[in-house]
């Protein structure tokens, strides 16, 4: 068990002078706190203690020390409450607490150096120990900032442990080898044919009538093979996601390097913006710095499609007899600033997904994930005729959250689908089915009438990735496409010609 030591020096400000109270009476109060109040909840020999104290007119100066069991900030809050009772007998009240020193020291045998931590003004990492000097006030202690810092350190340890492991991977199924009819990058071929054009934004394309018709064919396959037979209903999910949603979904822990942020004007009064408009009229340049001063961030564009939909259920209790619930959304784009680099239509900043969500009791969610997997196998084998494989994975973030055990039992976790891109020989993950456990119902406080635990799952169908895999293997000669898929697509339109 990690050894921890805490030290806090503070000044408790009072409404009147303490000099009228005898030193013996204060000493008795300190002895009571050290022997009883500050030991409560700790094993024998553990807890906190007032290590030093001094009275200076209207101030009580003190130093607290503790171990992991009753940390000094908890000890201070207990002490403050008890001191208010003690001083009340002398008609003296409390006015506040000034934190002068807060230090924590713990075992730290990691060989990597910490950089910067919130609320930490100084740190020293050596000889297997980490010492942190905190910049906190009474309000921060009430919000349990020291405890949250310790949890953050634990998360960083786990992240370092899993770094480079990205995920546990176990092959479940591999299709037979299929003939390839193309050996080039399908994105380059579509650009040459005029099927797509680079848009103005990074990692963004404009999709012409031909590839759009292929996207719609994928959607019709989803309707015919999944949505209609499995009883799905369509919804429209928001594509602007507020910070409150990302806090509840867990994305606020690490979305920052990949989010596309959304800001709103601080005011829509034209006079507030007149200087910006005048600058543009004079220079023909957009004054970004001036704009940034006049906007405030409210969230970001859709990153993972299902989290904002949970606001529809937030705080609600549902009857058990409506389960399982099965819905999907195909109403708009998702946006990620791809830190791994963009490439073709398979790795984009703006992409189109059909998001499939199902909600039920644990056994219902797991069983439905198996039904979805069967449907995907049928689509990939019998309709698209591609070469693919299926694997069970434990994403590193699930292991970090302590859910690796559920994944090992094939309960919560992800089934990934990968296909080879013949022109590069690389495998592309183009589909997944995820059982998310109670993550979203718990985060958004959604309950069942019976009190049983609610689970959910999701599966995102990326239209661009399906197209990248299909065209990379089957090419652009329709005679090489499976008959079933040709029948769904129909004839591809020719709308634009350029001189």
Protein backbone atom coordinates (compact mmCIF):
# COMPACT_ATOMS: atom_id res chain seq x y z
CA UNK A 1 0.00 0.00 0.00
CA UNK A 2 1.30 3.43 -0.94
CA UNK A 3 2.61 5.35 2.08
CA UNK A 4 1.30 8.90 2.28
CA UNK A 5 2.06 11.83 4.54
CA UNK A 6 0.17 15.12 4.72
CA UNK A 7 1.04 18.44 6.33
CA UNK A 8 -1.12 21.55 6.52
CA UNK A 9 -0.45 24.92 8.14
CA UNK A 10 -3.44 27.23 8.49
CA UNK A 11 -4.76 30.29 10.27
CA UNK A 12 -8.33 30.17 11.55
CA UNK A 13 -9.72 33.71 11.75
CA UNK A 14 -12.23 34.45 14.50
CA UNK A 15 -14.71 37.23 15.21
CA UNK A 16 -13.10 38.17 18.51
CA UNK A 17 -9.87 37.93 20.45
CA UNK A 18 -8.93 34.51 21.81
CA UNK A 19 -6.63 35.89 24.49
CA UNK A 20 -9.44 35.76 27.03
CA UNK A 21 -9.54 31.97 26.82
CA UNK A 22 -7.00 30.26 29.04
CA UNK A 23 -4.18 28.32 27.44
CA UNK A 24 -5.13 25.31 29.54
CA UNK A 25 -8.66 25.28 28.13
CA UNK A 26 -7.36 25.46 24.56
CA UNK A 27 -4.80 22.76 25.33
CA UNK A 28 -7.58 20.49 26.61
CA UNK A 29 -9.53 21.13 23.39
CA UNK A 30 -6.46 20.24 21.29
CA UNK A 31 -5.89 17.07 23.34
CA UNK A 32 -9.50 16.00 22.80
CA UNK A 33 -9.16 16.55 19.05
CA UNK A 34 -5.87 14.64 18.86
CA UNK A 35 -7.08 11.67 20.88
CA UNK A 36 -10.66 11.38 19.57
CA UNK A 37 -11.95 13.69 16.85
CA UNK A 38 -9.02 13.40 14.43
CA UNK A 39 -8.61 9.63 14.92
CA UNK A 40 -12.18 8.69 14.08
CA UNK A 41 -12.34 6.20 11.18
CA UNK A 42 -8.61 5.41 11.25
CA UNK A 43 -6.98 2.18 12.45
CA UNK A 44 -5.14 2.21 15.79
CA UNK A 45 -2.10 4.45 15.57
CA UNK A 46 -3.40 6.22 12.44
CA UNK A 47 -5.25 9.42 11.69
CA UNK A 48 -4.43 13.11 11.97
CA UNK A 49 -3.08 15.32 14.76
CA UNK A 50 -2.57 18.97 15.64
CA UNK A 51 1.23 19.06 15.72
CA UNK A 52 1.55 22.71 16.79
CA UNK A 53 -0.76 25.59 17.70
CA UNK A 54 -0.57 29.23 18.73
CA UNK A 55 -3.03 31.97 19.67
CA UNK A 56 -2.45 35.45 18.21
CA UNK A 57 -5.26 37.86 19.08
CA UNK A 58 -8.18 36.91 16.77
CA UNK A 59 -6.29 34.09 15.06
CA UNK A 60 -5.62 30.46 15.88
CA UNK A 61 -2.48 29.31 14.08
CA UNK A 62 -1.97 25.58 13.76
CA UNK A 63 -0.14 22.82 11.96
CA UNK A 64 -1.83 19.51 11.13
CA UNK A 65 -0.11 16.28 10.13
CA UNK A 66 -1.70 13.03 9.02
CA UNK A 67 -1.44 9.76 7.17
CA UNK A 68 -3.70 8.36 4.42
CA UNK A 69 -6.59 7.53 6.75
CA UNK A 70 -7.71 10.95 7.99
CA UNK A 71 -6.12 13.39 5.57
CA UNK A 72 -5.32 16.87 6.87
CA UNK A 73 -8.00 18.62 4.81
CA UNK A 74 -10.65 16.34 6.31
CA UNK A 75 -9.10 16.88 9.72
CA UNK A 76 -9.28 20.66 9.23
CA UNK A 77 -12.96 20.54 8.31
CA UNK A 78 -13.72 18.39 11.36
CA UNK A 79 -11.68 20.71 13.54
CA UNK A 80 -13.39 23.81 12.22
CA UNK A 81 -16.84 22.42 13.03
CA UNK A 82 -15.81 21.40 16.55
CA UNK A 83 -13.98 24.70 17.12
CA UNK A 84 -17.14 26.63 16.26
CA UNK A 85 -18.92 24.82 19.13
CA UNK A 86 -16.02 25.41 21.50
CA UNK A 87 -15.73 29.13 20.75
CA UNK A 88 -19.50 29.57 20.77
CA UNK A 89 -19.41 29.14 24.55
CA UNK A 90 -17.25 32.26 24.63
CA UNK A 91 -19.49 34.15 22.17
CA UNK A 92 -16.83 34.06 19.46
CA UNK A 93 -17.53 33.00 15.89
CA UNK A 94 -15.44 31.86 12.92
CA UNK A 95 -14.74 34.11 9.94
CA UNK A 96 -12.68 31.90 7.66
CA UNK A 97 -9.56 29.86 7.12
CA UNK A 98 -6.32 30.87 5.41
CA UNK A 99 -4.21 27.99 4.09
CA UNK A 100 -0.51 28.77 4.32
CA UNK A 101 1.08 25.42 3.55
CA UNK A 102 -0.33 22.18 2.16
CA UNK A 103 2.13 19.42 1.34
CA UNK A 104 1.60 15.78 0.49
CA UNK A 105 4.29 13.14 0.12
CA UNK A 106 3.78 9.64 -1.26
CA UNK A 107 5.63 6.67 -2.67
CA UNK A 108 6.46 7.17 -6.34
CA UNK A 109 8.67 4.55 -7.96
CA UNK A 110 7.87 5.58 -11.52
CA UNK A 111 10.86 6.25 -13.78
CA UNK A 112 9.09 8.98 -15.77
CA UNK A 113 8.93 12.59 -14.66
CA UNK A 114 5.73 14.45 -13.95
CA UNK A 115 5.44 17.82 -15.64
CA UNK A 116 2.70 20.11 -14.41
CA UNK A 117 -0.33 19.35 -12.22
CA UNK A 118 -3.33 21.57 -11.42
CA UNK A 119 -3.23 23.26 -7.99
CA UNK A 120 0.43 22.22 -7.55
CA UNK A 121 2.92 25.09 -7.25
CA UNK A 122 5.99 22.96 -6.63
CA UNK A 123 6.92 19.28 -6.87
CA UNK A 124 9.96 17.20 -6.01
CA UNK A 125 10.39 13.68 -7.36
CA UNK A 126 13.37 11.70 -6.08
CA UNK A 127 14.44 8.58 -4.17
CA UNK A 128 11.13 6.85 -4.81
CA UNK A 129 9.08 9.62 -3.22
CA UNK A 130 6.96 12.43 -4.66
CA UNK A 131 6.42 15.63 -2.69
CA UNK A 132 3.77 18.10 -3.82
CA UNK A 133 3.25 21.62 -2.51
CA UNK A 134 -0.33 22.68 -3.22
CA UNK A 135 -1.82 26.08 -3.95
CA UNK A 136 -5.26 25.64 -2.39
CA UNK A 137 -7.76 27.61 -0.34
CA UNK A 138 -10.62 26.61 1.96
CA UNK A 139 -13.02 26.31 -0.98
CA UNK A 140 -10.65 23.95 -2.83
CA UNK A 141 -10.36 21.77 0.27
CA UNK A 142 -14.15 21.62 0.52
CA UNK A 143 -14.19 20.42 -3.10
CA UNK A 144 -11.72 17.69 -2.16
CA UNK A 145 -9.05 18.87 -4.60
CA UNK A 146 -6.25 16.95 -2.78
CA UNK A 147 -8.19 13.68 -3.08
CA UNK A 148 -8.83 14.32 -6.75
CA UNK A 149 -5.15 15.04 -7.30
CA UNK A 150 -4.29 11.66 -5.77
CA UNK A 151 -6.79 9.97 -8.07
CA UNK A 152 -5.25 11.82 -11.02
CA UNK A 153 -1.83 10.50 -10.06
CA UNK A 154 -3.26 6.99 -9.92
CA UNK A 155 -4.80 7.45 -13.37
CA UNK A 156 -1.47 8.66 -14.74
CA UNK A 157 0.24 5.56 -13.34
CA UNK A 158 -2.32 3.31 -15.01
CA UNK A 159 -2.06 5.22 -18.28
CA UNK A 160 1.72 4.79 -18.22
CA UNK A 161 1.28 1.09 -17.48
CA UNK A 162 -0.99 0.63 -20.50
CA UNK A 163 0.86 3.02 -22.79
CA UNK A 164 1.91 1.21 -25.95
CA UNK A 165 -0.56 -1.61 -25.30
CA UNK A 166 -3.43 0.35 -26.88
CA UNK A 167 -5.72 -2.65 -26.43
CA UNK A 168 -5.90 -6.35 -25.72
CA UNK A 169 -6.70 -8.13 -29.02
CA UNK A 170 -8.10 -11.64 -29.56
CA UNK A 171 -9.01 -13.00 -33.01
CA UNK A 172 -12.56 -14.39 -33.15
CA UNK A 173 -13.13 -15.03 -36.86
CA UNK A 174 -11.33 -14.63 -40.18
CA UNK A 175 -13.10 -14.85 -43.53
CA UNK A 176 -11.84 -16.86 -46.46
CA UNK A 177 -9.46 -15.16 -48.87
CA UNK A 178 -11.32 -13.17 -51.52
CA UNK A 179 -10.12 -11.99 -54.93
CA UNK A 180 -8.93 -8.38 -55.13
CA UNK A 181 -9.83 -6.41 -58.27
CA UNK A 182 -7.95 -3.21 -57.49
CA UNK A 183 -4.45 -2.29 -56.33
CA UNK A 184 -4.59 1.51 -55.98
CA UNK A 185 -5.71 3.97 -53.33
CA UNK A 186 -9.49 4.34 -53.86
CA UNK A 187 -9.42 7.95 -52.63
CA UNK A 188 -6.96 8.94 -55.35
CA UNK A 189 -9.06 7.11 -57.93
CA UNK A 190 -12.24 8.92 -56.82
CA UNK A 191 -10.41 12.24 -57.02
CA UNK A 192 -9.26 11.40 -60.57
CA UNK A 193 -12.77 10.37 -61.57
CA UNK A 194 -14.35 13.50 -60.05
CA UNK A 195 -16.39 11.55 -57.53
CA UNK A 196 -15.04 13.61 -54.63
CA UNK A 197 -13.30 16.94 -54.13
CA UNK A 198 -11.25 18.26 -51.23
CA UNK A 199 -13.37 20.73 -49.28
CA UNK A 200 -12.11 23.94 -47.67
CA UNK A 201 -11.65 22.37 -44.24
CA UNK A 202 -8.93 20.03 -42.99
CA UNK A 203 -9.77 16.32 -43.43
CA UNK A 204 -13.01 17.19 -45.24
CA UNK A 205 -14.40 16.16 -48.62
CA UNK A 206 -17.36 17.07 -50.81
CA UNK A 207 -18.96 13.86 -52.03
CA UNK A 208 -20.33 13.73 -55.55
CA UNK A 209 -23.48 11.90 -56.70
CA UNK A 210 -21.73 8.55 -57.39
CA UNK A 211 -20.13 7.95 -53.98
CA UNK A 212 -23.15 9.48 -52.25
CA UNK A 213 -25.34 6.86 -53.94
CA UNK A 214 -22.99 4.16 -52.63
CA UNK A 215 -23.30 5.64 -49.12
CA UNK A 216 -27.09 5.52 -49.43
CA UNK A 217 -26.85 1.91 -50.59
CA UNK A 218 -24.99 1.08 -47.37
CA UNK A 219 -27.80 2.73 -45.43
CA UNK A 220 -30.47 0.72 -47.30
CA UNK A 221 -28.58 -2.46 -46.42
CA UNK A 222 -28.66 -1.41 -42.77
CA UNK A 223 -32.42 -0.87 -43.00
CA UNK A 224 -33.09 -4.17 -44.76
CA UNK A 225 -30.72 -6.34 -42.75
CA UNK A 226 -30.64 -4.72 -39.28
CA UNK A 227 -33.10 -1.93 -38.51
CA UNK A 228 -36.31 -3.46 -39.84
CA UNK A 229 -35.81 -7.10 -38.77
CA UNK A 230 -34.42 -6.17 -35.34
CA UNK A 231 -37.05 -3.52 -34.59
CA UNK A 232 -35.04 -0.29 -34.57
CA UNK A 233 -36.55 3.20 -34.60
CA UNK A 234 -34.88 6.34 -35.90
CA UNK A 235 -33.98 9.35 -33.77
CA UNK A 236 -32.05 12.58 -34.40
CA UNK A 237 -29.17 13.22 -31.99
CA UNK A 238 -27.61 16.68 -31.41
CA UNK A 239 -24.36 17.41 -33.21
CA UNK A 240 -23.30 20.23 -30.90
CA UNK A 241 -22.26 18.70 -27.59
CA UNK A 242 -22.02 20.78 -24.41
CA UNK A 243 -19.42 20.30 -21.71
CA UNK A 244 -22.02 18.98 -19.28
CA UNK A 245 -22.67 16.05 -21.63
CA UNK A 246 -18.96 15.28 -22.02
CA UNK A 247 -18.48 15.44 -18.26
CA UNK A 248 -21.21 12.85 -17.76
CA UNK A 249 -20.03 10.62 -20.61
CA UNK A 250 -16.41 10.69 -19.44
CA UNK A 251 -15.07 12.33 -22.60
CA UNK A 252 -14.11 15.49 -20.68
CA UNK A 253 -11.22 13.51 -19.17
CA UNK A 254 -9.26 13.50 -22.41
CA UNK A 255 -11.08 14.80 -25.48
CA UNK A 256 -9.14 18.08 -25.73
CA UNK A 257 -6.49 17.24 -28.38
CA UNK A 258 -9.12 15.94 -30.83
CA UNK A 259 -12.21 18.07 -30.23
CA UNK A 260 -13.60 20.56 -32.70
CA UNK A 261 -14.66 23.37 -30.37
CA UNK A 262 -17.85 25.42 -30.63
CA UNK A 263 -18.06 29.00 -29.40
CA UNK A 264 -20.92 31.47 -29.13
CA UNK A 265 -20.78 35.29 -29.18
CA UNK A 266 -20.67 36.93 -25.77
CA UNK A 267 -23.17 39.41 -27.21
CA UNK A 268 -25.09 39.69 -30.46
CA UNK A 269 -25.30 43.48 -30.16
CA UNK A 270 -23.93 44.84 -33.49
CA UNK A 271 -22.11 47.61 -31.62
CA UNK A 272 -20.18 44.95 -29.67
CA UNK A 273 -18.91 43.62 -33.01
CA UNK A 274 -18.55 46.92 -34.87
CA UNK A 275 -14.78 47.11 -34.41
CA UNK A 276 -14.37 43.60 -35.85
CA UNK A 277 -16.57 44.40 -38.86
CA UNK A 278 -14.80 47.69 -39.51
CA UNK A 279 -11.38 46.02 -39.36
CA UNK A 280 -12.42 43.49 -41.99
CA UNK A 281 -13.90 46.18 -44.24
CA UNK A 282 -10.64 48.14 -44.13
CA UNK A 283 -8.14 45.27 -44.37
CA UNK A 284 -10.08 42.45 -46.07
CA UNK A 285 -8.63 40.20 -43.34
CA UNK A 286 -10.60 38.42 -40.63
CA UNK A 287 -9.25 39.64 -37.23
CA UNK A 288 -9.14 36.32 -35.40
CA UNK A 289 -7.58 37.75 -32.24
CA UNK A 290 -10.36 40.31 -31.91
CA UNK A 291 -12.97 37.62 -32.48
CA UNK A 292 -11.47 35.34 -29.82
CA UNK A 293 -11.92 38.10 -27.25
CA UNK A 294 -15.65 38.26 -28.01
CA UNK A 295 -16.63 34.57 -27.93
CA UNK A 296 -16.95 31.90 -25.25
CA UNK A 297 -16.68 28.14 -25.57
CA UNK A 298 -19.81 26.07 -24.90
CA UNK A 299 -18.64 22.62 -26.05
CA UNK A 300 -17.75 21.03 -29.34
CA UNK A 301 -18.93 19.27 -32.46
CA UNK A 302 -20.12 15.67 -32.28
CA UNK A 303 -17.15 13.44 -31.39
CA UNK A 304 -18.83 10.20 -30.34
CA UNK A 305 -22.36 10.15 -31.63
CA UNK A 306 -24.39 8.61 -28.81
CA UNK A 307 -23.47 10.67 -25.66
CA UNK A 308 -25.70 13.71 -26.41
CA UNK A 309 -28.68 11.40 -26.98
CA UNK A 310 -28.61 10.39 -23.32
CA UNK A 311 -29.89 13.82 -22.30
CA UNK A 312 -33.24 12.54 -23.66
CA UNK A 313 -33.24 9.98 -20.80
CA UNK A 314 -31.29 11.93 -18.18
CA UNK A 315 -32.75 11.64 -14.68
CA UNK A 316 -35.62 9.43 -15.88
CA UNK A 317 -36.89 6.10 -14.53
CA UNK A 318 -38.23 3.66 -17.13
CA UNK A 319 -40.53 0.65 -16.79
CA UNK A 320 -38.83 -2.69 -17.38
CA UNK A 321 -41.39 -3.86 -19.94
CA UNK A 322 -40.21 -1.43 -22.66
CA UNK A 323 -36.77 -3.05 -22.83
CA UNK A 324 -34.72 -3.55 -24.87
CA UNK A 325 -34.77 -0.14 -26.55
CA UNK A 326 -33.19 0.01 -30.04
CA UNK A 327 -32.64 3.29 -31.87
CA UNK A 328 -30.32 4.75 -34.50
CA UNK A 329 -29.24 8.17 -35.76
CA UNK A 330 -27.98 9.09 -39.26
CA UNK A 331 -28.64 12.83 -39.15
CA UNK A 332 -25.24 14.42 -39.50
CA UNK A 333 -21.49 14.46 -39.33
CA UNK A 334 -18.97 13.63 -36.63
CA UNK A 335 -15.80 15.64 -36.14
CA UNK A 336 -12.39 14.71 -34.76
CA UNK A 337 -9.10 16.50 -35.15
CA UNK A 338 -7.21 13.34 -36.09
CA UNK A 339 -3.96 13.58 -34.12
CA UNK A 340 -2.63 10.46 -35.89
CA UNK A 341 -2.80 12.24 -39.24
CA UNK A 342 -5.44 12.25 -41.97
CA UNK A 343 -5.43 9.98 -45.01
CA UNK A 344 -7.97 9.54 -47.77
CA UNK A 345 -11.61 8.97 -46.94
CA UNK A 346 -10.76 6.47 -44.21
CA UNK A 347 -9.11 8.90 -41.78
CA UNK A 348 -10.89 12.24 -41.74
CA UNK A 349 -11.73 15.15 -39.48
CA UNK A 350 -15.32 15.21 -40.77
CA UNK A 351 -17.06 11.92 -41.44
CA UNK A 352 -20.51 10.39 -41.70
CA UNK A 353 -21.71 7.68 -39.36
CA UNK A 354 -24.90 5.80 -38.65
CA UNK A 355 -24.96 5.36 -34.88
CA UNK A 356 -26.76 2.31 -33.50
CA UNK A 357 -27.71 2.32 -29.79
CA UNK A 358 -29.44 -0.33 -27.71
CA UNK A 359 -30.41 -0.19 -24.02
CA UNK A 360 -31.57 -2.92 -21.68
CA UNK A 361 -30.70 -5.15 -18.79
CA UNK A 362 -27.24 -6.67 -18.82
CA UNK A 363 -28.26 -9.97 -20.43
CA UNK A 364 -30.41 -8.20 -23.03
CA UNK A 365 -27.58 -5.88 -24.10
CA UNK A 366 -25.07 -8.72 -24.39
CA UNK A 367 -27.53 -10.90 -26.33
CA UNK A 368 -28.38 -8.10 -28.74
CA UNK A 369 -24.71 -7.43 -29.41
CA UNK A 370 -24.47 -11.06 -30.58
CA UNK A 371 -27.45 -10.53 -32.90
CA UNK A 372 -25.75 -7.47 -34.39
CA UNK A 373 -22.53 -9.39 -34.90
CA UNK A 374 -24.43 -12.08 -36.82
CA UNK A 375 -26.01 -9.42 -39.03
CA UNK A 376 -22.67 -7.79 -39.81
CA UNK A 377 -21.15 -11.15 -40.73
CA UNK A 378 -23.99 -11.73 -43.17
CA UNK A 379 -23.56 -8.27 -44.72
CA UNK A 380 -19.80 -8.52 -45.10
CA UNK A 381 -19.88 -12.09 -46.44
CA UNK A 382 -23.08 -12.31 -48.51
CA UNK A 383 -23.70 -8.76 -49.73
CA UNK A 384 -20.37 -6.91 -49.85
CA UNK A 385 -18.26 -10.04 -50.37
CA UNK A 386 -15.17 -8.52 -48.75
CA UNK A 387 -12.27 -10.17 -46.97
CA UNK A 388 -12.38 -9.29 -43.27
CA UNK A 389 -11.72 -10.47 -39.75
CA UNK A 390 -13.30 -10.02 -36.34
CA UNK A 391 -11.55 -9.54 -32.98
CA UNK A 392 -12.50 -9.01 -29.34
CA UNK A 393 -10.63 -6.11 -27.79
CA UNK A 394 -10.24 -4.52 -24.38
CA UNK A 395 -9.57 -0.83 -25.05
CA UNK A 396 -6.85 0.55 -22.79
CA UNK A 397 -9.26 3.10 -21.27
CA UNK A 398 -11.53 0.26 -20.12
CA UNK A 399 -8.60 -1.47 -18.42
CA UNK A 400 -7.64 1.87 -16.86
CA UNK A 401 -11.17 2.23 -15.45
CA UNK A 402 -10.91 -1.21 -13.84
CA UNK A 403 -13.24 -2.94 -16.29
CA UNK A 404 -10.76 -5.34 -17.86
CA UNK A 405 -12.38 -8.18 -15.93
CA UNK A 406 -15.73 -7.57 -17.62
CA UNK A 407 -13.99 -7.64 -20.99
CA UNK A 408 -12.21 -10.89 -20.19
CA UNK A 409 -15.62 -12.42 -19.46
CA UNK A 410 -16.78 -11.20 -22.91
CA UNK A 411 -19.30 -8.88 -21.24
CA UNK A 412 -18.32 -5.21 -21.56
CA UNK A 413 -15.88 -4.49 -24.37
CA UNK A 414 -15.63 -4.09 -28.12
CA UNK A 415 -15.79 -6.34 -31.16
CA UNK A 416 -13.69 -4.83 -33.94
CA UNK A 417 -13.93 -5.60 -37.66
CA UNK A 418 -10.84 -5.17 -39.81
CA UNK A 419 -10.23 -5.51 -43.55
CA UNK A 420 -7.10 -5.41 -45.65
CA UNK A 421 -6.45 -2.53 -48.06
CA UNK A 422 -4.71 -4.29 -50.98
CA UNK A 423 -2.87 -1.19 -52.24
CA UNK A 424 -0.98 -0.83 -48.94
CA UNK A 425 -1.31 -4.26 -47.35
CA UNK A 426 -2.48 -2.56 -44.13
CA UNK A 427 -5.54 -3.49 -42.10
CA UNK A 428 -8.25 -0.90 -41.52
CA UNK A 429 -10.71 -1.07 -38.64
CA UNK A 430 -13.96 -0.30 -40.42
CA UNK A 431 -16.67 -1.37 -37.95
CA UNK A 432 -17.23 -2.17 -34.29
CA UNK A 433 -19.83 -3.36 -31.80
CA UNK A 434 -19.34 -2.07 -28.24
CA UNK A 435 -21.02 -3.17 -25.02
CA UNK A 436 -20.51 -0.20 -22.69
CA UNK A 437 -21.87 -1.70 -19.47
CA UNK A 438 -23.55 0.80 -17.15
CA UNK A 439 -21.27 3.68 -18.24
CA UNK A 440 -23.93 5.91 -19.81
CA UNK A 441 -26.99 5.02 -17.65
CA UNK A 442 -24.89 5.71 -14.56
CA UNK A 443 -23.36 8.90 -15.97
CA UNK A 444 -26.77 10.31 -16.94
CA UNK A 445 -28.67 8.90 -13.95
CA UNK A 446 -31.08 6.70 -15.91
CA UNK A 447 -32.82 4.00 -13.85
CA UNK A 448 -35.21 1.07 -14.13
CA UNK A 449 -38.42 0.77 -12.15
CA UNK A 450 -37.31 -2.62 -10.81
CA UNK A 451 -34.02 -1.20 -9.58
CA UNK A 452 -31.99 -3.56 -11.78
CA UNK A 453 -28.86 -2.21 -13.40
CA UNK A 454 -29.26 -0.68 -16.86
CA UNK A 455 -26.67 -1.35 -19.58
CA UNK A 456 -26.20 -0.06 -23.11
CA UNK A 457 -24.29 -0.74 -26.29
CA UNK A 458 -23.45 1.18 -29.44
CA UNK A 459 -22.15 0.49 -32.93
CA UNK A 460 -21.00 3.17 -35.35
CA UNK A 461 -21.21 2.47 -39.08
CA UNK A 462 -18.70 4.75 -40.79
CA UNK A 463 -19.89 5.21 -44.38
CA UNK A 464 -16.50 6.41 -45.59
CA UNK A 465 -14.70 3.44 -44.04
CA UNK A 466 -17.13 0.92 -45.54
CA UNK A 467 -16.54 2.59 -48.92
CA UNK A 468 -12.75 2.64 -48.45
CA UNK A 469 -12.68 -1.12 -47.75
CA UNK A 470 -15.16 -2.10 -50.45
CA UNK A 471 -13.61 -0.04 -53.25
CA UNK A 472 -10.04 -0.94 -52.23
CA UNK A 473 -10.87 -4.64 -52.63
CA UNK A 474 -13.52 -4.61 -55.38
CA UNK A 475 -12.44 -1.62 -57.42
CA UNK A 476 -14.58 0.59 -59.66
CA UNK A 477 -15.62 -1.91 -62.34
CA UNK A 478 -19.22 -2.74 -61.42
CA UNK A 479 -18.87 -6.16 -63.07
CA UNK A 480 -16.56 -7.13 -60.22
CA UNK A 481 -19.06 -6.12 -57.54
CA UNK A 482 -21.25 -8.81 -55.93
CA UNK A 483 -24.64 -9.02 -57.65
CA UNK A 484 -26.55 -8.38 -54.41
CA UNK A 485 -24.69 -5.13 -53.83
CA UNK A 486 -25.03 -4.04 -57.49
CA UNK A 487 -28.78 -4.52 -57.18
CA UNK A 488 -28.94 -2.29 -54.10
CA UNK A 489 -26.80 0.47 -55.63
CA UNK A 490 -28.41 0.58 -59.07
CA UNK A 491 -26.87 2.76 -61.77
CA UNK A 492 -24.40 5.44 -60.71
CA UNK A 493 -25.38 8.91 -61.94
CA UNK A 494 -23.18 11.17 -64.07
CA UNK A 495 -24.15 14.74 -63.19
CA UNK A 496 -21.07 16.94 -63.58
CA UNK A 497 -18.69 17.39 -66.51
CA UNK A 498 -15.84 19.87 -66.63
CA UNK A 499 -14.06 21.49 -69.58
